[in-house]
């Protein structure tokens, strides 16, 4: 009798996992995650993740993408459990608002403008610029540059505006991040190269023209459609929050 009950529980768990799997595949399909680029642009190392092509464009095999995506989610949960810092990177127009929202939601840094060379490899220099920018913002908010001439105020306002576009998303970056989340590893190749050089794990949403072996946690997917990017990033954010629940800050 006991063996029968145990077997029934196992069967129920298997069925639950199967239903969860099918539900995730359906959600990914609805978000358009499966659409790749033209066949002429494909990277040879992406071949194992293709189901076929339609109207000249590659179609990702979502059942093969699913385990890779789950690996990325599991890693992000681990980061959340440690309260580890993540740097979000995406400069393509379709992804910038989504990445900024994710960064703000988790109080993490993000890059949505041009990647500044040395952001990681020359971090101490970049950090000084970020600190200066932060101090300048604080000074403006508390004193509004009182005691300065109109010309001096104008000069500092102009400097602040310029620095905002460069460092605005990096204010929370007080140390080297423990991981990068990138949308389109090919477009963000400089950021990827810097992270690889420092052995910083990279989670990347990458389309059919990218090399999946260039990052640690590849997510082969449509990286140009807003709905697809939003779906995947939202899942990563939720995974981080899930990892945070009931855990202690890593020292």
C-alpha atoms as a PDB file:
ATOM      1  CA  UNK A   1       0.000   0.000   0.000  1.00  0.00           C
ATOM      2  CA  UNK A   2       2.808   2.394   0.952  1.00  0.00           C
ATOM      3  CA  UNK A   3       4.644   1.662  -2.295  1.00  0.00           C
ATOM      4  CA  UNK A   4       1.477   2.386  -4.277  1.00  0.00           C
ATOM      5  CA  UNK A   5       0.993   5.760  -2.555  1.00  0.00           C
ATOM      6  CA  UNK A   6       4.651   6.659  -3.166  1.00  0.00           C
ATOM      7  CA  UNK A   7       4.370   5.710  -6.834  1.00  0.00           C
ATOM      8  CA  UNK A   8       1.205   7.793  -7.176  1.00  0.00           C
ATOM      9  CA  UNK A   9       2.954  10.823  -5.674  1.00  0.00           C
ATOM     10  CA  UNK A  10       5.848  10.382  -8.097  1.00  0.00           C
ATOM     11  CA  UNK A  11       3.421  10.178 -11.010  1.00  0.00           C
ATOM     12  CA  UNK A  12       1.693  13.367  -9.847  1.00  0.00           C
ATOM     13  CA  UNK A  13       5.039  15.181  -9.586  1.00  0.00           C
ATOM     14  CA  UNK A  14       6.004  14.028 -13.083  1.00  0.00           C
ATOM     15  CA  UNK A  15       2.673  15.219 -14.424  1.00  0.00           C
ATOM     16  CA  UNK A  16       3.064  18.580 -12.655  1.00  0.00           C
ATOM     17  CA  UNK A  17       6.526  19.032 -14.177  1.00  0.00           C
ATOM     18  CA  UNK A  18       5.209  18.102 -17.601  1.00  0.00           C
ATOM     19  CA  UNK A  19       2.372  20.612 -17.314  1.00  0.00           C
ATOM     20  CA  UNK A  20       4.778  23.322 -16.120  1.00  0.00           C
ATOM     21  CA  UNK A  21       7.069  22.551 -19.052  1.00  0.00           C
ATOM     22  CA  UNK A  22       4.235  22.758 -21.584  1.00  0.00           C
ATOM     23  CA  UNK A  23       2.956  25.965 -20.001  1.00  0.00           C
ATOM     24  CA  UNK A  24       6.401  27.589 -20.238  1.00  0.00           C
ATOM     25  CA  UNK A  25       6.807  26.540 -23.865  1.00  0.00           C
ATOM     26  CA  UNK A  26       3.401  28.023 -24.677  1.00  0.00           C
ATOM     27  CA  UNK A  27       4.290  31.303 -22.946  1.00  0.00           C
ATOM     28  CA  UNK A  28       7.593  31.515 -24.808  1.00  0.00           C
ATOM     29  CA  UNK A  29       5.810  30.853 -28.089  1.00  0.00           C
ATOM     30  CA  UNK A  30       3.231  33.567 -27.426  1.00  0.00           C
ATOM     31  CA  UNK A  31       6.013  36.031 -26.606  1.00  0.00           C
ATOM     32  CA  UNK A  32       7.679  35.295 -29.953  1.00  0.00           C
ATOM     33  CA  UNK A  33      10.849  33.959 -28.346  1.00  0.00           C
ATOM     34  CA  UNK A  34      11.221  31.432 -31.178  1.00  0.00           C
ATOM     35  CA  UNK A  35      11.835  33.895 -34.019  1.00  0.00           C
ATOM     36  CA  UNK A  36      15.435  34.165 -35.229  1.00  0.00           C
ATOM     37  CA  UNK A  37      17.145  36.182 -37.944  1.00  0.00           C
ATOM     38  CA  UNK A  38      17.529  35.418 -41.622  1.00  0.00           C
ATOM     39  CA  UNK A  39      19.238  32.109 -42.384  1.00  0.00           C
ATOM     40  CA  UNK A  40      22.053  34.004 -44.113  1.00  0.00           C
ATOM     41  CA  UNK A  41      23.009  35.612 -40.782  1.00  0.00           C
ATOM     42  CA  UNK A  42      23.069  32.493 -38.633  1.00  0.00           C
ATOM     43  CA  UNK A  43      26.078  31.557 -36.534  1.00  0.00           C
ATOM     44  CA  UNK A  44      27.145  27.958 -37.105  1.00  0.00           C
ATOM     45  CA  UNK A  45      27.285  27.214 -33.368  1.00  0.00           C
ATOM     46  CA  UNK A  46      23.599  28.064 -33.062  1.00  0.00           C
ATOM     47  CA  UNK A  47      22.601  25.202 -35.349  1.00  0.00           C
ATOM     48  CA  UNK A  48      21.695  22.742 -32.534  1.00  0.00           C
ATOM     49  CA  UNK A  49      19.004  25.124 -31.284  1.00  0.00           C
ATOM     50  CA  UNK A  50      17.091  25.511 -34.546  1.00  0.00           C
ATOM     51  CA  UNK A  51      13.839  23.724 -35.282  1.00  0.00           C
ATOM     52  CA  UNK A  52      13.814  24.832 -38.904  1.00  0.00           C
ATOM     53  CA  UNK A  53      13.118  27.979 -40.871  1.00  0.00           C
ATOM     54  CA  UNK A  54      10.095  29.946 -42.030  1.00  0.00           C
ATOM     55  CA  UNK A  55      10.042  32.587 -44.743  1.00  0.00           C
ATOM     56  CA  UNK A  56      13.838  32.545 -44.785  1.00  0.00           C
ATOM     57  CA  UNK A  57      14.210  33.123 -41.033  1.00  0.00           C
ATOM     58  CA  UNK A  58      15.505  30.657 -38.461  1.00  0.00           C
ATOM     59  CA  UNK A  59      13.069  29.283 -35.884  1.00  0.00           C
ATOM     60  CA  UNK A  60      14.379  28.323 -32.462  1.00  0.00           C
ATOM     61  CA  UNK A  61      13.459  24.934 -31.027  1.00  0.00           C
ATOM     62  CA  UNK A  62      11.865  26.067 -27.763  1.00  0.00           C
ATOM     63  CA  UNK A  63      12.146  22.627 -26.185  1.00  0.00           C
ATOM     64  CA  UNK A  64      15.929  22.966 -26.544  1.00  0.00           C
ATOM     65  CA  UNK A  65      15.964  26.587 -25.412  1.00  0.00           C
ATOM     66  CA  UNK A  66      13.927  25.753 -22.303  1.00  0.00           C
ATOM     67  CA  UNK A  67      16.659  23.868 -20.358  1.00  0.00           C
ATOM     68  CA  UNK A  68      19.220  26.582 -21.123  1.00  0.00           C
ATOM     69  CA  UNK A  69      16.821  29.250 -19.927  1.00  0.00           C
ATOM     70  CA  UNK A  70      16.170  27.279 -16.757  1.00  0.00           C
ATOM     71  CA  UNK A  71      19.913  26.972 -16.135  1.00  0.00           C
ATOM     72  CA  UNK A  72      20.116  30.759 -16.334  1.00  0.00           C
ATOM     73  CA  UNK A  73      17.146  31.147 -13.984  1.00  0.00           C
ATOM     74  CA  UNK A  74      18.705  28.773 -11.446  1.00  0.00           C
ATOM     75  CA  UNK A  75      21.952  30.744 -11.534  1.00  0.00           C
ATOM     76  CA  UNK A  76      20.100  34.025 -11.057  1.00  0.00           C
ATOM     77  CA  UNK A  77      18.275  32.524  -8.067  1.00  0.00           C
ATOM     78  CA  UNK A  78      21.674  31.716  -6.563  1.00  0.00           C
ATOM     79  CA  UNK A  79      22.746  35.307  -7.136  1.00  0.00           C
ATOM     80  CA  UNK A  80      19.571  36.495  -5.444  1.00  0.00           C
ATOM     81  CA  UNK A  81      20.215  34.259  -2.446  1.00  0.00           C
ATOM     82  CA  UNK A  82      23.614  35.933  -2.059  1.00  0.00           C
ATOM     83  CA  UNK A  83      22.297  39.439  -2.814  1.00  0.00           C
ATOM     84  CA  UNK A  84      25.006  39.507  -5.485  1.00  0.00           C
ATOM     85  CA  UNK A  85      25.258  42.551  -7.736  1.00  0.00           C
ATOM     86  CA  UNK A  86      24.221  42.213 -11.383  1.00  0.00           C
ATOM     87  CA  UNK A  87      24.975  44.653 -14.187  1.00  0.00           C
ATOM     88  CA  UNK A  88      22.295  44.781 -16.903  1.00  0.00           C
ATOM     89  CA  UNK A  89      23.507  45.733 -20.387  1.00  0.00           C
ATOM     90  CA  UNK A  90      21.447  46.527 -23.487  1.00  0.00           C
ATOM     91  CA  UNK A  91      21.904  49.457 -25.847  1.00  0.00           C
ATOM     92  CA  UNK A  92      19.574  48.413 -28.660  1.00  0.00           C
ATOM     93  CA  UNK A  93      16.406  50.567 -28.672  1.00  0.00           C
ATOM     94  CA  UNK A  94      14.028  47.624 -28.274  1.00  0.00           C
ATOM     95  CA  UNK A  95      15.613  46.642 -24.958  1.00  0.00           C
ATOM     96  CA  UNK A  96      16.702  49.845 -23.202  1.00  0.00           C
ATOM     97  CA  UNK A  97      13.457  50.609 -21.348  1.00  0.00           C
ATOM     98  CA  UNK A  98      13.111  46.974 -20.269  1.00  0.00           C
ATOM     99  CA  UNK A  99      16.669  46.805 -18.976  1.00  0.00           C
ATOM    100  CA  UNK A 100      16.364  50.109 -17.127  1.00  0.00           C
ATOM    101  CA  UNK A 101      13.142  48.922 -15.483  1.00  0.00           C
ATOM    102  CA  UNK A 102      14.811  45.666 -14.414  1.00  0.00           C
ATOM    103  CA  UNK A 103      17.783  47.520 -12.966  1.00  0.00           C
ATOM    104  CA  UNK A 104      15.602  49.933 -11.027  1.00  0.00           C
ATOM    105  CA  UNK A 105      13.340  47.123  -9.830  1.00  0.00           C
ATOM    106  CA  UNK A 106      16.281  45.256  -8.279  1.00  0.00           C
ATOM    107  CA  UNK A 107      18.278  48.379  -7.379  1.00  0.00           C
ATOM    108  CA  UNK A 108      20.998  47.215  -9.753  1.00  0.00           C
ATOM    109  CA  UNK A 109      23.133  49.099 -12.237  1.00  0.00           C
ATOM    110  CA  UNK A 110      22.369  49.155 -15.937  1.00  0.00           C
ATOM    111  CA  UNK A 111      23.863  50.397 -19.198  1.00  0.00           C
ATOM    112  CA  UNK A 112      21.465  51.562 -21.897  1.00  0.00           C
ATOM    113  CA  UNK A 113      23.713  54.064 -23.659  1.00  0.00           C
ATOM    114  CA  UNK A 114      27.037  53.328 -25.345  1.00  0.00           C
ATOM    115  CA  UNK A 115      29.223  50.973 -23.299  1.00  0.00           C
ATOM    116  CA  UNK A 116      32.181  52.863 -21.859  1.00  0.00           C
ATOM    117  CA  UNK A 117      35.358  50.930 -22.556  1.00  0.00           C
ATOM    118  CA  UNK A 118      37.004  49.978 -19.277  1.00  0.00           C
ATOM    119  CA  UNK A 119      33.791  49.967 -17.253  1.00  0.00           C
ATOM    120  CA  UNK A 120      34.925  46.619 -15.850  1.00  0.00           C
ATOM    121  CA  UNK A 121      38.608  46.331 -16.733  1.00  0.00           C
ATOM    122  CA  UNK A 122      39.407  49.852 -15.457  1.00  0.00           C
ATOM    123  CA  UNK A 123      36.737  49.847 -12.795  1.00  0.00           C
ATOM    124  CA  UNK A 124      38.623  51.951 -10.235  1.00  0.00           C
ATOM    125  CA  UNK A 125      38.912  54.820 -12.718  1.00  0.00           C
ATOM    126  CA  UNK A 126      35.266  54.506 -13.758  1.00  0.00           C
ATOM    127  CA  UNK A 127      34.227  54.317 -10.097  1.00  0.00           C
ATOM    128  CA  UNK A 128      35.886  57.667  -9.403  1.00  0.00           C
ATOM    129  CA  UNK A 129      33.835  59.215 -12.204  1.00  0.00           C
ATOM    130  CA  UNK A 130      30.662  57.604 -10.842  1.00  0.00           C
ATOM    131  CA  UNK A 131      31.458  58.895  -7.336  1.00  0.00           C
ATOM    132  CA  UNK A 132      32.060  62.393  -8.708  1.00  0.00           C
ATOM    133  CA  UNK A 133      28.773  62.265 -10.611  1.00  0.00           C
ATOM    134  CA  UNK A 134      26.931  61.060  -7.495  1.00  0.00           C
ATOM    135  CA  UNK A 135      28.440  63.846  -5.379  1.00  0.00           C
ATOM    136  CA  UNK A 136      27.551  66.438  -8.000  1.00  0.00           C
ATOM    137  CA  UNK A 137      23.939  65.231  -8.065  1.00  0.00           C
ATOM    138  CA  UNK A 138      23.746  65.302  -4.273  1.00  0.00           C
ATOM    139  CA  UNK A 139      25.163  68.813  -4.203  1.00  0.00           C
ATOM    140  CA  UNK A 140      22.598  70.021  -6.709  1.00  0.00           C
ATOM    141  CA  UNK A 141      19.690  68.431  -4.833  1.00  0.00           C
ATOM    142  CA  UNK A 142      20.743  69.872  -1.459  1.00  0.00           C
ATOM    143  CA  UNK A 143      22.128  73.300  -2.356  1.00  0.00           C
ATOM    144  CA  UNK A 144      21.051  73.813  -5.968  1.00  0.00           C
ATOM    145  CA  UNK A 145      24.579  75.153  -6.518  1.00  0.00           C
ATOM    146  CA  UNK A 146      23.851  78.134  -4.276  1.00  0.00           C
ATOM    147  CA  UNK A 147      26.572  80.754  -4.101  1.00  0.00           C
ATOM    148  CA  UNK A 148      27.601  80.177  -7.705  1.00  0.00           C
ATOM    149  CA  UNK A 149      27.303  82.592 -10.569  1.00  0.00           C
ATOM    150  CA  UNK A 150      24.792  81.964 -13.334  1.00  0.00           C
ATOM    151  CA  UNK A 151      27.645  81.003 -15.645  1.00  0.00           C
ATOM    152  CA  UNK A 152      29.077  78.502 -13.145  1.00  0.00           C
ATOM    153  CA  UNK A 153      25.649  76.949 -12.581  1.00  0.00           C
ATOM    154  CA  UNK A 154      25.123  76.626 -16.321  1.00  0.00           C
ATOM    155  CA  UNK A 155      28.478  74.908 -16.737  1.00  0.00           C
ATOM    156  CA  UNK A 156      27.737  72.391 -13.965  1.00  0.00           C
ATOM    157  CA  UNK A 157      24.218  71.756 -15.271  1.00  0.00           C
ATOM    158  CA  UNK A 158      25.682  70.973 -18.677  1.00  0.00           C
ATOM    159  CA  UNK A 159      28.275  68.684 -17.092  1.00  0.00           C
ATOM    160  CA  UNK A 160      25.587  66.888 -15.084  1.00  0.00           C
ATOM    161  CA  UNK A 161      23.474  66.325 -18.178  1.00  0.00           C
ATOM    162  CA  UNK A 162      26.415  64.841 -20.042  1.00  0.00           C
ATOM    163  CA  UNK A 163      27.405  62.618 -17.122  1.00  0.00           C
ATOM    164  CA  UNK A 164      23.809  61.475 -16.632  1.00  0.00           C
ATOM    165  CA  UNK A 165      23.806  59.835 -20.062  1.00  0.00           C
ATOM    166  CA  UNK A 166      27.103  58.086 -19.300  1.00  0.00           C
ATOM    167  CA  UNK A 167      26.836  57.201 -15.627  1.00  0.00           C
ATOM    168  CA  UNK A 168      23.163  57.609 -14.712  1.00  0.00           C
ATOM    169  CA  UNK A 169      22.519  53.867 -14.693  1.00  0.00           C
ATOM    170  CA  UNK A 170      25.776  53.056 -12.912  1.00  0.00           C
ATOM    171  CA  UNK A 171      25.180  54.978  -9.679  1.00  0.00           C
ATOM    172  CA  UNK A 172      24.502  51.737  -7.782  1.00  0.00           C
ATOM    173  CA  UNK A 173      27.721  50.145  -9.092  1.00  0.00           C
ATOM    174  CA  UNK A 174      29.968  50.352  -6.033  1.00  0.00           C
ATOM    175  CA  UNK A 175      31.930  47.191  -6.814  1.00  0.00           C
ATOM    176  CA  UNK A 176      32.683  44.807  -9.671  1.00  0.00           C
ATOM    177  CA  UNK A 177      29.405  43.012 -10.481  1.00  0.00           C
ATOM    178  CA  UNK A 178      29.102  39.301  -9.842  1.00  0.00           C
ATOM    179  CA  UNK A 179      27.341  38.756 -13.171  1.00  0.00           C
ATOM    180  CA  UNK A 180      26.234  40.479 -16.371  1.00  0.00           C
ATOM    181  CA  UNK A 181      22.817  40.165 -17.986  1.00  0.00           C
ATOM    182  CA  UNK A 182      23.153  41.101 -21.650  1.00  0.00           C
ATOM    183  CA  UNK A 183      20.664  41.503 -24.474  1.00  0.00           C
ATOM    184  CA  UNK A 184      22.402  40.714 -27.788  1.00  0.00           C
ATOM    185  CA  UNK A 185      25.923  39.535 -27.007  1.00  0.00           C
ATOM    186  CA  UNK A 186      27.086  40.426 -30.510  1.00  0.00           C
ATOM    187  CA  UNK A 187      26.093  44.075 -30.186  1.00  0.00           C
ATOM    188  CA  UNK A 188      27.519  44.227 -26.661  1.00  0.00           C
ATOM    189  CA  UNK A 189      30.737  42.416 -27.587  1.00  0.00           C
ATOM    190  CA  UNK A 190      33.009  44.880 -25.745  1.00  0.00           C
ATOM    191  CA  UNK A 191      31.104  44.393 -22.490  1.00  0.00           C
ATOM    192  CA  UNK A 192      31.201  40.627 -23.038  1.00  0.00           C
ATOM    193  CA  UNK A 193      34.953  40.673 -23.709  1.00  0.00           C
ATOM    194  CA  UNK A 194      35.644  42.697 -20.564  1.00  0.00           C
ATOM    195  CA  UNK A 195      33.514  40.371 -18.439  1.00  0.00           C
ATOM    196  CA  UNK A 196      35.154  37.273 -19.902  1.00  0.00           C
ATOM    197  CA  UNK A 197      38.588  38.717 -19.214  1.00  0.00           C
ATOM    198  CA  UNK A 198      37.653  39.120 -15.552  1.00  0.00           C
ATOM    199  CA  UNK A 199      35.830  35.762 -15.434  1.00  0.00           C
ATOM    200  CA  UNK A 200      32.527  37.440 -14.612  1.00  0.00           C
ATOM    201  CA  UNK A 201      29.646  35.086 -15.526  1.00  0.00           C
ATOM    202  CA  UNK A 202      27.521  36.297 -18.428  1.00  0.00           C
ATOM    203  CA  UNK A 203      23.827  35.579 -18.925  1.00  0.00           C
ATOM    204  CA  UNK A 204      22.847  36.574 -22.444  1.00  0.00           C
ATOM    205  CA  UNK A 205      19.736  36.660 -24.580  1.00  0.00           C
ATOM    206  CA  UNK A 206      21.214  36.054 -27.998  1.00  0.00           C
ATOM    207  CA  UNK A 207      19.751  35.661 -31.455  1.00  0.00           C
ATOM    208  CA  UNK A 208      20.671  33.294 -34.256  1.00  0.00           C
ATOM    209  CA  UNK A 209      23.637  35.436 -35.362  1.00  0.00           C
ATOM    210  CA  UNK A 210      25.467  35.106 -32.024  1.00  0.00           C
ATOM    211  CA  UNK A 211      27.979  32.594 -30.679  1.00  0.00           C
ATOM    212  CA  UNK A 212      26.355  30.806 -27.708  1.00  0.00           C
ATOM    213  CA  UNK A 213      29.732  29.504 -26.515  1.00  0.00           C
ATOM    214  CA  UNK A 214      30.987  33.055 -25.874  1.00  0.00           C
ATOM    215  CA  UNK A 215      28.848  33.387 -22.732  1.00  0.00           C
ATOM    216  CA  UNK A 216      28.290  31.262 -19.639  1.00  0.00           C
ATOM    217  CA  UNK A 217      24.498  31.129 -19.677  1.00  0.00           C
ATOM    218  CA  UNK A 218      23.216  31.525 -23.246  1.00  0.00           C
ATOM    219  CA  UNK A 219      19.500  31.981 -23.880  1.00  0.00           C
ATOM    220  CA  UNK A 220      18.985  31.480 -27.642  1.00  0.00           C
ATOM    221  CA  UNK A 221      15.989  33.670 -28.386  1.00  0.00           C
ATOM    222  CA  UNK A 222      14.476  36.579 -30.246  1.00  0.00           C
ATOM    223  CA  UNK A 223      16.457  39.591 -29.002  1.00  0.00           C
ATOM    224  CA  UNK A 224      14.790  42.206 -31.204  1.00  0.00           C
ATOM    225  CA  UNK A 225      11.100  41.941 -30.271  1.00  0.00           C
ATOM    226  CA  UNK A 226      10.027  43.904 -27.199  1.00  0.00           C
ATOM    227  CA  UNK A 227       7.585  41.206 -26.056  1.00  0.00           C
ATOM    228  CA  UNK A 228      10.247  38.489 -26.202  1.00  0.00           C
ATOM    229  CA  UNK A 229      12.874  40.546 -24.363  1.00  0.00           C
ATOM    230  CA  UNK A 230      10.332  41.655 -21.772  1.00  0.00           C
ATOM    231  CA  UNK A 231       9.192  38.094 -21.118  1.00  0.00           C
ATOM    232  CA  UNK A 232      12.727  36.756 -20.608  1.00  0.00           C
ATOM    233  CA  UNK A 233      14.028  39.664 -18.516  1.00  0.00           C
ATOM    234  CA  UNK A 234      10.914  39.611 -16.340  1.00  0.00           C
ATOM    235  CA  UNK A 235      11.526  35.924 -15.619  1.00  0.00           C
ATOM    236  CA  UNK A 236      15.139  36.659 -14.659  1.00  0.00           C
ATOM    237  CA  UNK A 237      14.061  39.465 -12.321  1.00  0.00           C
ATOM    238  CA  UNK A 238      11.487  37.199 -10.667  1.00  0.00           C
ATOM    239  CA  UNK A 239      14.116  34.471 -10.268  1.00  0.00           C
ATOM    240  CA  UNK A 240      16.435  36.902  -8.472  1.00  0.00           C
ATOM    241  CA  UNK A 241      13.628  37.981  -6.146  1.00  0.00           C
ATOM    242  CA  UNK A 242      12.741  34.362  -5.478  1.00  0.00           C
ATOM    243  CA  UNK A 243      16.344  33.689  -4.511  1.00  0.00           C
ATOM    244  CA  UNK A 244      16.262  36.624  -2.090  1.00  0.00           C
ATOM    245  CA  UNK A 245      13.388  35.218  -0.047  1.00  0.00           C
ATOM    246  CA  UNK A 246      14.419  33.989   3.369  1.00  0.00           C
ATOM    247  CA  UNK A 247      18.144  34.347   2.722  1.00  0.00           C
ATOM    248  CA  UNK A 248      20.966  36.271   4.318  1.00  0.00           C
ATOM    249  CA  UNK A 249      23.209  38.843   2.704  1.00  0.00           C
ATOM    250  CA  UNK A 250      26.533  37.332   1.659  1.00  0.00           C
ATOM    251  CA  UNK A 251      29.518  38.775   3.513  1.00  0.00           C
END
